[in-house]
Amino acid sequence: MIKTVAIQGIKGSFHHIVSQQYFENEINVIECLTFDKAVESLMNKESDAVIMAIENSIAGSIIPNYALIDSYHLYIVGEHYLDVQHNLLTLSDQTIDDIEEVYSHPMALLQCKEFFKDYPSIKLVEDKDTAEVAQRIHINQLKGIGAIASKLAAELFELEILAPSIQTIAHNETRFVIVKRENHEIPEIEINKASFKFSLDHKRGSLATILNVMSDCKLNLTKIQSLPIIDTPWKYAFFVDVTFADYKDCIKAKSIMNIMAQDFKILGEYKNARI
């Protein structure tokens, strides 16, 4: 049973919001300013799980987190999709013309870059966490400084929402995964999604052959991401997500892929949050 979960960021961050929405029971939250620190807490058994953003509908995959899951031999045991609404937060009684600098996580800045094209005098500065910037503005009463963060952060740190929902695309969704040290979380009958990693020989049609195996075994490919293998130049590992109606189809596909692919690895088997 998960009692303590590590998040990247502090309370008021989007990872904190996911922790509130995903878990049915109240849990303790360990605040970490980096994903590496969050994973360290898991490996040191200070936390039971880590919540980790893995991809965004605007900015795409968060590549370093794939590498963290793989290199630490962690397992995805669940997923959660969050409608991420970015807001420009400041101290009260300020206008947009008063703001000189806006700080936030690089991903948040990327998702809101179109909004700031109308305000070229505002300097955008990358920071570690959305909510931490909001907290800093509140503690130090920083005028002329803005944060891009959640509505919850505005409430927690008594800031004004100067401009709501400033992300470039109105429907801005981030997929988060819940990661543990072990792969056993739910009964097989409830599993309908899986994440795999594998590499392939440099042979014509090798990737197509593996994809055909998935199709023949009634697996639906929902995500494919390639990452370079660091110690082997110009060779890539593939990370894939698949969904299925019957876990027996997944078992069959795994047995074949384990033979045909190199370094085949199960990264997680869990419930599809899209259903």
C-alpha atoms as a PDB file:
ATOM      1  CA  MET A   1       0.000   0.000   0.000  1.00  0.00           C
ATOM      2  CA  ILE A   2       1.308   3.433  -0.967  1.00  0.00           C
ATOM      3  CA  LYS A   3       1.533   5.765   2.013  1.00  0.00           C
ATOM      4  CA  THR A   4       4.252   8.176   0.918  1.00  0.00           C
ATOM      5  CA  VAL A   5       4.807   9.504  -2.597  1.00  0.00           C
ATOM      6  CA  ALA A   6       7.649  11.637  -3.938  1.00  0.00           C
ATOM      7  CA  ILE A   7       6.925  14.446  -6.394  1.00  0.00           C
ATOM      8  CA  GLN A   8       9.045  16.785  -8.463  1.00  0.00           C
ATOM      9  CA  GLY A   9       8.205  20.180  -7.067  1.00  0.00           C
ATOM     10  CA  ILE A  10       6.422  21.408  -3.987  1.00  0.00           C
ATOM     11  CA  LYS A  11       2.803  21.550  -2.875  1.00  0.00           C
ATOM     12  CA  GLY A  12       0.860  23.553  -5.399  1.00  0.00           C
ATOM     13  CA  SER A  13       2.720  21.979  -8.321  1.00  0.00           C
ATOM     14  CA  PHE A  14       0.957  19.923 -10.970  1.00  0.00           C
ATOM     15  CA  HIS A  15       2.587  16.774  -9.567  1.00  0.00           C
ATOM     16  CA  HIS A  16       0.994  17.621  -6.218  1.00  0.00           C
ATOM     17  CA  ILE A  17      -2.402  17.993  -7.906  1.00  0.00           C
ATOM     18  CA  VAL A  18      -1.963  14.530  -9.467  1.00  0.00           C
ATOM     19  CA  SER A  19      -1.173  13.066  -6.037  1.00  0.00           C
ATOM     20  CA  GLN A  20      -4.486  14.437  -4.776  1.00  0.00           C
ATOM     21  CA  GLN A  21      -6.480  13.153  -7.743  1.00  0.00           C
ATOM     22  CA  TYR A  22      -4.903   9.728  -8.278  1.00  0.00           C
ATOM     23  CA  PHE A  23      -4.806   8.284  -4.782  1.00  0.00           C
ATOM     24  CA  GLU A  24      -8.058   7.483  -3.031  1.00  0.00           C
ATOM     25  CA  ASN A  25      -6.586   7.723   0.459  1.00  0.00           C
ATOM     26  CA  GLU A  26      -4.684  10.636   1.935  1.00  0.00           C
ATOM     27  CA  ILE A  27      -0.942  10.213   1.443  1.00  0.00           C
ATOM     28  CA  ASN A  28       2.221  11.905   2.629  1.00  0.00           C
ATOM     29  CA  VAL A  29       4.052  13.903  -0.031  1.00  0.00           C
ATOM     30  CA  ILE A  30       7.837  14.260  -0.226  1.00  0.00           C
ATOM     31  CA  GLU A  31       8.787  17.436  -2.093  1.00  0.00           C
ATOM     32  CA  CYS A  32      11.807  17.127  -4.409  1.00  0.00           C
ATOM     33  CA  LEU A  33      13.114  19.862  -6.699  1.00  0.00           C
ATOM     34  CA  THR A  34      14.372  17.350  -9.291  1.00  0.00           C
ATOM     35  CA  PHE A  35      13.179  14.021 -10.645  1.00  0.00           C
ATOM     36  CA  ASP A  36      16.567  12.545  -9.729  1.00  0.00           C
ATOM     37  CA  LYS A  37      15.977  13.406  -6.077  1.00  0.00           C
ATOM     38  CA  ALA A  38      12.480  11.929  -6.243  1.00  0.00           C
ATOM     39  CA  VAL A  39      13.869   8.669  -7.615  1.00  0.00           C
ATOM     40  CA  GLU A  40      16.592   8.670  -4.958  1.00  0.00           C
ATOM     41  CA  SER A  41      13.912   8.834  -2.262  1.00  0.00           C
ATOM     42  CA  LEU A  42      12.266   5.794  -3.829  1.00  0.00           C
ATOM     43  CA  MET A  43      15.498   3.822  -4.051  1.00  0.00           C
ATOM     44  CA  ASN A  44      16.340   4.718  -0.433  1.00  0.00           C
ATOM     45  CA  LYS A  45      12.835   3.555   0.578  1.00  0.00           C
ATOM     46  CA  GLU A  46      11.936   6.980   1.915  1.00  0.00           C
ATOM     47  CA  SER A  47       8.923   6.938  -0.409  1.00  0.00           C
ATOM     48  CA  ASP A  48       6.706   4.158  -1.721  1.00  0.00           C
ATOM     49  CA  ALA A  49       6.206   5.637  -5.197  1.00  0.00           C
ATOM     50  CA  VAL A  50       7.151   8.529  -7.449  1.00  0.00           C
ATOM     51  CA  ILE A  51       4.799  10.618  -9.581  1.00  0.00           C
ATOM     52  CA  MET A  52       6.564  11.519 -12.807  1.00  0.00           C
ATOM     53  CA  ALA A  53       5.425  13.559 -15.803  1.00  0.00           C
ATOM     54  CA  ILE A  54       6.240  11.568 -18.939  1.00  0.00           C
ATOM     55  CA  GLU A  55       4.704  13.447 -21.884  1.00  0.00           C
ATOM     56  CA  ASN A  56       2.712  16.532 -22.759  1.00  0.00           C
ATOM     57  CA  SER A  57       0.211  17.034 -25.568  1.00  0.00           C
ATOM     58  CA  ILE A  58       1.949  20.274 -26.633  1.00  0.00           C
ATOM     59  CA  ALA A  59       5.633  19.834 -25.818  1.00  0.00           C
ATOM     60  CA  GLY A  60       5.921  16.068 -26.380  1.00  0.00           C
ATOM     61  CA  SER A  61       7.890  13.453 -24.447  1.00  0.00           C
ATOM     62  CA  ILE A  62       9.964  14.233 -21.371  1.00  0.00           C
ATOM     63  CA  ILE A  63      12.960  12.195 -22.478  1.00  0.00           C
ATOM     64  CA  PRO A  64      15.089  12.259 -19.278  1.00  0.00           C
ATOM     65  CA  ASN A  65      12.270  10.589 -17.329  1.00  0.00           C
ATOM     66  CA  TYR A  66      12.193   7.627 -19.707  1.00  0.00           C
ATOM     67  CA  ALA A  67      15.918   7.245 -19.041  1.00  0.00           C
ATOM     68  CA  LEU A  68      15.426   7.453 -15.256  1.00  0.00           C
ATOM     69  CA  ILE A  69      12.778   4.713 -15.258  1.00  0.00           C
ATOM     70  CA  ASP A  70      15.013   2.512 -17.403  1.00  0.00           C
ATOM     71  CA  SER A  71      18.361   3.072 -15.686  1.00  0.00           C
ATOM     72  CA  TYR A  72      16.977   2.541 -12.166  1.00  0.00           C
ATOM     73  CA  HIS A  73      14.959  -0.530 -13.268  1.00  0.00           C
ATOM     74  CA  LEU A  74      11.715   0.994 -12.020  1.00  0.00           C
ATOM     75  CA  TYR A  75       8.182  -0.023 -12.968  1.00  0.00           C
ATOM     76  CA  ILE A  76       5.163   1.958 -14.058  1.00  0.00           C
ATOM     77  CA  VAL A  77       2.183   0.809 -11.983  1.00  0.00           C
ATOM     78  CA  GLY A  78      -0.349   3.427 -13.019  1.00  0.00           C
ATOM     79  CA  GLU A  79      -0.965   6.573 -15.061  1.00  0.00           C
ATOM     80  CA  HIS A  80      -2.981   9.765 -14.779  1.00  0.00           C
ATOM     81  CA  TYR A  81      -3.874  12.461 -17.314  1.00  0.00           C
ATOM     82  CA  LEU A  82      -4.139  16.036 -16.075  1.00  0.00           C
ATOM     83  CA  ASP A  83      -5.605  19.006 -17.913  1.00  0.00           C
ATOM     84  CA  VAL A  84      -2.810  21.492 -17.244  1.00  0.00           C
ATOM     85  CA  GLN A  85      -3.958  25.094 -17.071  1.00  0.00           C
ATOM     86  CA  HIS A  86      -1.093  27.564 -16.791  1.00  0.00           C
ATOM     87  CA  ASN A  87      -1.787  30.893 -15.115  1.00  0.00           C
ATOM     88  CA  LEU A  88       0.309  34.028 -14.781  1.00  0.00           C
ATOM     89  CA  LEU A  89       0.566  34.703 -11.039  1.00  0.00           C
ATOM     90  CA  THR A  90       1.778  37.871  -9.325  1.00  0.00           C
ATOM     91  CA  LEU A  91       1.369  39.819  -6.132  1.00  0.00           C
ATOM     92  CA  SER A  92      -1.906  41.712  -5.997  1.00  0.00           C
ATOM     93  CA  ASP A  93      -2.442  45.228  -7.357  1.00  0.00           C
ATOM     94  CA  GLN A  94      -0.153  44.818 -10.374  1.00  0.00           C
ATOM     95  CA  THR A  95      -0.828  45.007 -14.092  1.00  0.00           C
ATOM     96  CA  ILE A  96       0.856  43.171 -16.936  1.00  0.00           C
ATOM     97  CA  ASP A  97       2.859  46.351 -17.646  1.00  0.00           C
ATOM     98  CA  ASP A  98       4.392  46.135 -14.163  1.00  0.00           C
ATOM     99  CA  ILE A  99       5.902  42.712 -14.822  1.00  0.00           C
ATOM    100  CA  GLU A 100       9.555  42.657 -15.844  1.00  0.00           C
ATOM    101  CA  GLU A 101      10.414  38.969 -15.466  1.00  0.00           C
ATOM    102  CA  VAL A 102       8.470  35.704 -15.419  1.00  0.00           C
ATOM    103  CA  TYR A 103       9.988  32.558 -13.942  1.00  0.00           C
ATOM    104  CA  SER A 104       8.813  28.981 -14.380  1.00  0.00           C
ATOM    105  CA  HIS A 105       9.785  25.441 -15.323  1.00  0.00           C
ATOM    106  CA  PRO A 106      11.143  25.225 -18.907  1.00  0.00           C
ATOM    107  CA  MET A 107       8.221  23.024 -19.968  1.00  0.00           C
ATOM    108  CA  ALA A 108       5.704  25.595 -18.724  1.00  0.00           C
ATOM    109  CA  LEU A 109       7.530  28.409 -20.511  1.00  0.00           C
ATOM    110  CA  LEU A 110       7.524  26.393 -23.725  1.00  0.00           C
ATOM    111  CA  GLN A 111       3.790  25.752 -23.455  1.00  0.00           C
ATOM    112  CA  CYS A 112       3.062  29.470 -22.974  1.00  0.00           C
ATOM    113  CA  LYS A 113       5.522  31.116 -25.373  1.00  0.00           C
ATOM    114  CA  GLU A 114       2.831  32.431 -27.741  1.00  0.00           C
ATOM    115  CA  PHE A 115       1.202  34.463 -24.959  1.00  0.00           C
ATOM    116  CA  PHE A 116       4.424  36.339 -24.220  1.00  0.00           C
ATOM    117  CA  LYS A 117       5.021  37.331 -27.856  1.00  0.00           C
ATOM    118  CA  ASP A 118       2.603  40.166 -27.135  1.00  0.00           C
ATOM    119  CA  TYR A 119       4.830  41.308 -24.245  1.00  0.00           C
ATOM    120  CA  PRO A 120       8.399  41.430 -25.625  1.00  0.00           C
ATOM    121  CA  SER A 121       9.651  43.511 -22.690  1.00  0.00           C
ATOM    122  CA  ILE A 122       9.018  40.621 -20.253  1.00  0.00           C
ATOM    123  CA  LYS A 123      12.084  38.451 -19.730  1.00  0.00           C
ATOM    124  CA  LEU A 124      11.339  34.714 -19.454  1.00  0.00           C
ATOM    125  CA  VAL A 125      13.595  32.839 -17.041  1.00  0.00           C
ATOM    126  CA  GLU A 126      13.820  29.070 -16.630  1.00  0.00           C
ATOM    127  CA  ASP A 127      13.469  27.782 -13.073  1.00  0.00           C
ATOM    128  CA  LYS A 128      13.203  24.438 -11.284  1.00  0.00           C
ATOM    129  CA  ASP A 129       9.515  24.317 -10.425  1.00  0.00           C
ATOM    130  CA  THR A 130       6.309  26.211 -11.147  1.00  0.00           C
ATOM    131  CA  ALA A 131       4.949  26.286  -7.596  1.00  0.00           C
ATOM    132  CA  GLU A 132       8.338  27.015  -6.004  1.00  0.00           C
ATOM    133  CA  VAL A 133       8.523  30.271  -7.948  1.00  0.00           C
ATOM    134  CA  ALA A 134       5.052  31.209  -6.703  1.00  0.00           C
ATOM    135  CA  GLN A 135       6.135  30.434  -3.153  1.00  0.00           C
ATOM    136  CA  ARG A 136       9.255  32.584  -3.559  1.00  0.00           C
ATOM    137  CA  ILE A 137       7.224  35.556  -4.816  1.00  0.00           C
ATOM    138  CA  HIS A 138       4.929  35.222  -1.790  1.00  0.00           C
ATOM    139  CA  ILE A 139       7.687  34.838   0.820  1.00  0.00           C
ATOM    140  CA  ASN A 140       9.852  37.672  -0.516  1.00  0.00           C
ATOM    141  CA  GLN A 141       6.947  39.837  -1.734  1.00  0.00           C
ATOM    142  CA  LEU A 142       8.595  40.249  -5.117  1.00  0.00           C
ATOM    143  CA  LYS A 143       6.962  42.973  -7.177  1.00  0.00           C
ATOM    144  CA  GLY A 144       7.499  43.044 -10.927  1.00  0.00           C
ATOM    145  CA  ILE A 145       8.014  39.273 -10.959  1.00  0.00           C
ATOM    146  CA  GLY A 146       5.555  36.723 -12.269  1.00  0.00           C
ATOM    147  CA  ALA A 147       5.214  32.960 -12.065  1.00  0.00           C
ATOM    148  CA  ILE A 148       3.536  30.506 -14.407  1.00  0.00           C
ATOM    149  CA  ALA A 149       1.780  28.035 -12.140  1.00  0.00           C
ATOM    150  CA  SER A 150      -1.457  26.349 -11.150  1.00  0.00           C
ATOM    151  CA  LYS A 151      -4.593  27.805  -9.636  1.00  0.00           C
ATOM    152  CA  LEU A 152      -3.800  25.760  -6.506  1.00  0.00           C
ATOM    153  CA  ALA A 153      -0.418  27.521  -6.229  1.00  0.00           C
ATOM    154  CA  ALA A 154      -2.195  30.877  -6.402  1.00  0.00           C
ATOM    155  CA  GLU A 155      -4.467  29.820  -3.548  1.00  0.00           C
ATOM    156  CA  LEU A 156      -1.687  28.352  -1.387  1.00  0.00           C
ATOM    157  CA  PHE A 157       0.649  31.339  -1.784  1.00  0.00           C
ATOM    158  CA  GLU A 158      -1.956  34.119  -1.851  1.00  0.00           C
ATOM    159  CA  LEU A 159      -1.155  35.371  -5.336  1.00  0.00           C
ATOM    160  CA  GLU A 160      -3.386  36.983  -7.923  1.00  0.00           C
ATOM    161  CA  ILE A 161      -4.095  35.313 -11.260  1.00  0.00           C
ATOM    162  CA  LEU A 162      -3.138  38.150 -13.586  1.00  0.00           C
ATOM    163  CA  ALA A 163      -3.913  36.109 -16.711  1.00  0.00           C
ATOM    164  CA  PRO A 164      -5.644  32.707 -16.620  1.00  0.00           C
ATOM    165  CA  SER A 165      -5.016  29.757 -18.961  1.00  0.00           C
ATOM    166  CA  ILE A 166      -2.171  31.322 -20.942  1.00  0.00           C
ATOM    167  CA  GLN A 167      -0.954  28.072 -22.520  1.00  0.00           C
ATOM    168  CA  THR A 168      -0.755  28.182 -26.316  1.00  0.00           C
ATOM    169  CA  ILE A 169      -3.338  25.449 -26.822  1.00  0.00           C
ATOM    170  CA  ALA A 170      -6.426  25.560 -24.620  1.00  0.00           C
ATOM    171  CA  HIS A 171      -6.575  21.802 -24.100  1.00  0.00           C
ATOM    172  CA  ASN A 172      -3.107  21.165 -22.666  1.00  0.00           C
ATOM    173  CA  GLU A 173      -2.837  17.686 -21.191  1.00  0.00           C
ATOM    174  CA  THR A 174       0.071  15.997 -19.431  1.00  0.00           C
ATOM    175  CA  ARG A 175       0.395  12.284 -18.853  1.00  0.00           C
ATOM    176  CA  PHE A 176       1.879  11.320 -15.493  1.00  0.00           C
ATOM    177  CA  VAL A 177       3.032   7.854 -14.461  1.00  0.00           C
ATOM    178  CA  ILE A 178       3.171   6.360 -10.974  1.00  0.00           C
ATOM    179  CA  VAL A 179       6.455   4.511 -10.550  1.00  0.00           C
ATOM    180  CA  LYS A 180       7.526   1.919  -7.990  1.00  0.00           C
ATOM    181  CA  ARG A 181      10.417  -0.445  -7.324  1.00  0.00           C
ATOM    182  CA  GLU A 182       8.269  -3.512  -8.070  1.00  0.00           C
ATOM    183  CA  ASN A 183       5.890  -4.441 -10.877  1.00  0.00           C
ATOM    184  CA  HIS A 184       3.098  -6.067  -8.863  1.00  0.00           C
ATOM    185  CA  GLU A 185       0.220  -3.699  -8.244  1.00  0.00           C
ATOM    186  CA  ILE A 186      -3.085  -4.935  -9.674  1.00  0.00           C
ATOM    187  CA  PRO A 187      -4.572  -8.344 -10.668  1.00  0.00           C
ATOM    188  CA  GLU A 188      -3.847  -9.515 -14.217  1.00  0.00           C
ATOM    189  CA  ILE A 189      -7.536  -9.340 -15.107  1.00  0.00           C
ATOM    190  CA  GLU A 190      -7.461  -5.562 -14.577  1.00  0.00           C
ATOM    191  CA  ILE A 191      -4.321  -4.938 -16.656  1.00  0.00           C
ATOM    192  CA  ASN A 192      -5.045  -3.470 -20.099  1.00  0.00           C
ATOM    193  CA  LYS A 193      -1.961  -1.346 -20.827  1.00  0.00           C
ATOM    194  CA  ALA A 194       1.780  -2.044 -20.808  1.00  0.00           C
ATOM    195  CA  SER A 195       5.077  -0.245 -21.429  1.00  0.00           C
ATOM    196  CA  PHE A 196       8.039  -2.039 -23.024  1.00  0.00           C
ATOM    197  CA  LYS A 197      11.615  -1.207 -23.963  1.00  0.00           C
ATOM    198  CA  PHE A 198      13.733  -2.995 -26.572  1.00  0.00           C
ATOM    199  CA  SER A 199      16.468  -2.474 -29.141  1.00  0.00           C
ATOM    200  CA  LEU A 200      16.872  -3.930 -32.630  1.00  0.00           C
ATOM    201  CA  ASP A 201      19.535  -4.957 -35.133  1.00  0.00           C
ATOM    202  CA  HIS A 202      20.345  -2.582 -37.976  1.00  0.00           C
ATOM    203  CA  LYS A 203      18.405  -4.652 -40.455  1.00  0.00           C
ATOM    204  CA  ARG A 204      15.861  -3.554 -43.015  1.00  0.00           C
ATOM    205  CA  GLY A 205      12.345  -4.009 -41.682  1.00  0.00           C
ATOM    206  CA  SER A 206      13.357  -4.978 -38.127  1.00  0.00           C
ATOM    207  CA  LEU A 207      11.104  -2.350 -36.506  1.00  0.00           C
ATOM    208  CA  ALA A 208       8.250  -3.125 -38.884  1.00  0.00           C
ATOM    209  CA  THR A 209       8.517  -6.810 -37.944  1.00  0.00           C
ATOM    210  CA  ILE A 210       8.152  -6.039 -34.233  1.00  0.00           C
ATOM    211  CA  LEU A 211       5.226  -3.719 -34.896  1.00  0.00           C
ATOM    212  CA  ASN A 212       3.561  -6.475 -36.900  1.00  0.00           C
ATOM    213  CA  VAL A 213       3.983  -8.837 -33.941  1.00  0.00           C
ATOM    214  CA  MET A 214       2.107  -6.366 -31.746  1.00  0.00           C
ATOM    215  CA  SER A 215      -0.635  -6.011 -34.339  1.00  0.00           C
ATOM    216  CA  ASP A 216      -0.948  -9.777 -34.862  1.00  0.00           C
ATOM    217  CA  CYS A 217      -1.275 -10.219 -31.092  1.00  0.00           C
ATOM    218  CA  LYS A 218      -4.091  -7.646 -30.964  1.00  0.00           C
ATOM    219  CA  LEU A 219      -2.036  -4.976 -29.211  1.00  0.00           C
ATOM    220  CA  ASN A 220      -2.770  -1.341 -30.024  1.00  0.00           C
ATOM    221  CA  LEU A 221       0.365   0.824 -30.181  1.00  0.00           C
ATOM    222  CA  THR A 222      -0.389   4.133 -28.426  1.00  0.00           C
ATOM    223  CA  LYS A 223       3.152   5.511 -28.082  1.00  0.00           C
ATOM    224  CA  ILE A 224       6.615   4.911 -29.515  1.00  0.00           C
ATOM    225  CA  GLN A 225       9.714   6.841 -28.465  1.00  0.00           C
ATOM    226  CA  SER A 226      13.327   6.241 -29.451  1.00  0.00           C
ATOM    227  CA  LEU A 227      16.344   7.107 -27.287  1.00  0.00           C
ATOM    228  CA  PRO A 228      20.016   6.763 -28.219  1.00  0.00           C
ATOM    229  CA  ILE A 229      21.939   4.013 -26.447  1.00  0.00           C
ATOM    230  CA  ILE A 230      24.732   6.008 -24.816  1.00  0.00           C
ATOM    231  CA  ASP A 231      27.560   3.474 -25.074  1.00  0.00           C
ATOM    232  CA  THR A 232      26.677   2.368 -28.630  1.00  0.00           C
ATOM    233  CA  PRO A 233      26.782   5.271 -31.133  1.00  0.00           C
ATOM    234  CA  TRP A 234      23.914   5.430 -33.637  1.00  0.00           C
ATOM    235  CA  LYS A 235      21.990   2.621 -32.005  1.00  0.00           C
ATOM    236  CA  TYR A 236      18.613   3.301 -30.415  1.00  0.00           C
ATOM    237  CA  ALA A 237      16.325   1.827 -27.805  1.00  0.00           C
ATOM    238  CA  PHE A 238      12.581   1.968 -28.372  1.00  0.00           C
ATOM    239  CA  PHE A 239      10.051   2.681 -25.642  1.00  0.00           C
ATOM    240  CA  VAL A 240       6.488   1.705 -26.525  1.00  0.00           C
ATOM    241  CA  ASP A 241       3.079   1.792 -24.846  1.00  0.00           C
ATOM    242  CA  VAL A 242       0.393  -0.668 -25.915  1.00  0.00           C
ATOM    243  CA  THR A 243      -3.201  -1.295 -24.918  1.00  0.00           C
ATOM    244  CA  PHE A 244      -5.180  -4.532 -25.203  1.00  0.00           C
ATOM    245  CA  ALA A 245      -8.514  -6.067 -24.300  1.00  0.00           C
ATOM    246  CA  ASP A 246      -7.186  -9.421 -23.056  1.00  0.00           C
ATOM    247  CA  TYR A 247      -4.033  -9.832 -20.966  1.00  0.00           C
ATOM    248  CA  LYS A 248      -3.443 -13.208 -22.654  1.00  0.00           C
ATOM    249  CA  ASP A 249      -2.710 -11.313 -25.879  1.00  0.00           C
ATOM    250  CA  CYS A 250      -0.070  -9.314 -24.030  1.00  0.00           C
ATOM    251  CA  ILE A 251       1.530 -12.486 -22.665  1.00  0.00           C
ATOM    252  CA  LYS A 252       1.754 -13.915 -26.185  1.00  0.00           C
ATOM    253  CA  ALA A 253       3.281 -10.730 -27.588  1.00  0.00           C
ATOM    254  CA  LYS A 254       5.850 -10.535 -24.786  1.00  0.00           C
ATOM    255  CA  SER A 255       7.026 -14.097 -25.407  1.00  0.00           C
ATOM    256  CA  ILE A 256       7.589 -13.407 -29.111  1.00  0.00           C
ATOM    257  CA  MET A 257       9.152  -9.960 -28.654  1.00  0.00           C
ATOM    258  CA  ASN A 258      11.524 -11.341 -26.037  1.00  0.00           C
ATOM    259  CA  ILE A 259      12.920 -13.670 -28.706  1.00  0.00           C
ATOM    260  CA  MET A 260      12.915 -11.276 -31.664  1.00  0.00           C
ATOM    261  CA  ALA A 261      14.098  -8.056 -30.016  1.00  0.00           C
ATOM    262  CA  GLN A 262      17.282  -7.302 -28.111  1.00  0.00           C
ATOM    263  CA  ASP A 263      17.266  -6.328 -24.433  1.00  0.00           C
ATOM    264  CA  PHE A 264      13.497  -6.661 -24.193  1.00  0.00           C
ATOM    265  CA  LYS A 265      12.257  -5.200 -20.913  1.00  0.00           C
ATOM    266  CA  ILE A 266       8.863  -4.741 -19.277  1.00  0.00           C
ATOM    267  CA  LEU A 267       8.624  -1.224 -17.856  1.00  0.00           C
ATOM    268  CA  GLY A 268       5.156  -1.670 -16.428  1.00  0.00           C
ATOM    269  CA  GLU A 269       1.721  -3.274 -16.688  1.00  0.00           C
ATOM    270  CA  TYR A 270      -1.225  -1.240 -15.425  1.00  0.00           C
ATOM    271  CA  LYS A 271      -4.703   0.182 -16.064  1.00  0.00           C
ATOM    272  CA  ASN A 272      -5.321   2.378 -19.072  1.00  0.00           C
ATOM    273  CA  ALA A 273      -6.392   5.740 -17.626  1.00  0.00           C
ATOM    274  CA  ARG A 274      -8.062   6.674 -20.907  1.00  0.00           C
ATOM    275  CA  ILE A 275     -10.900   4.177 -20.437  1.00  0.00           C
END
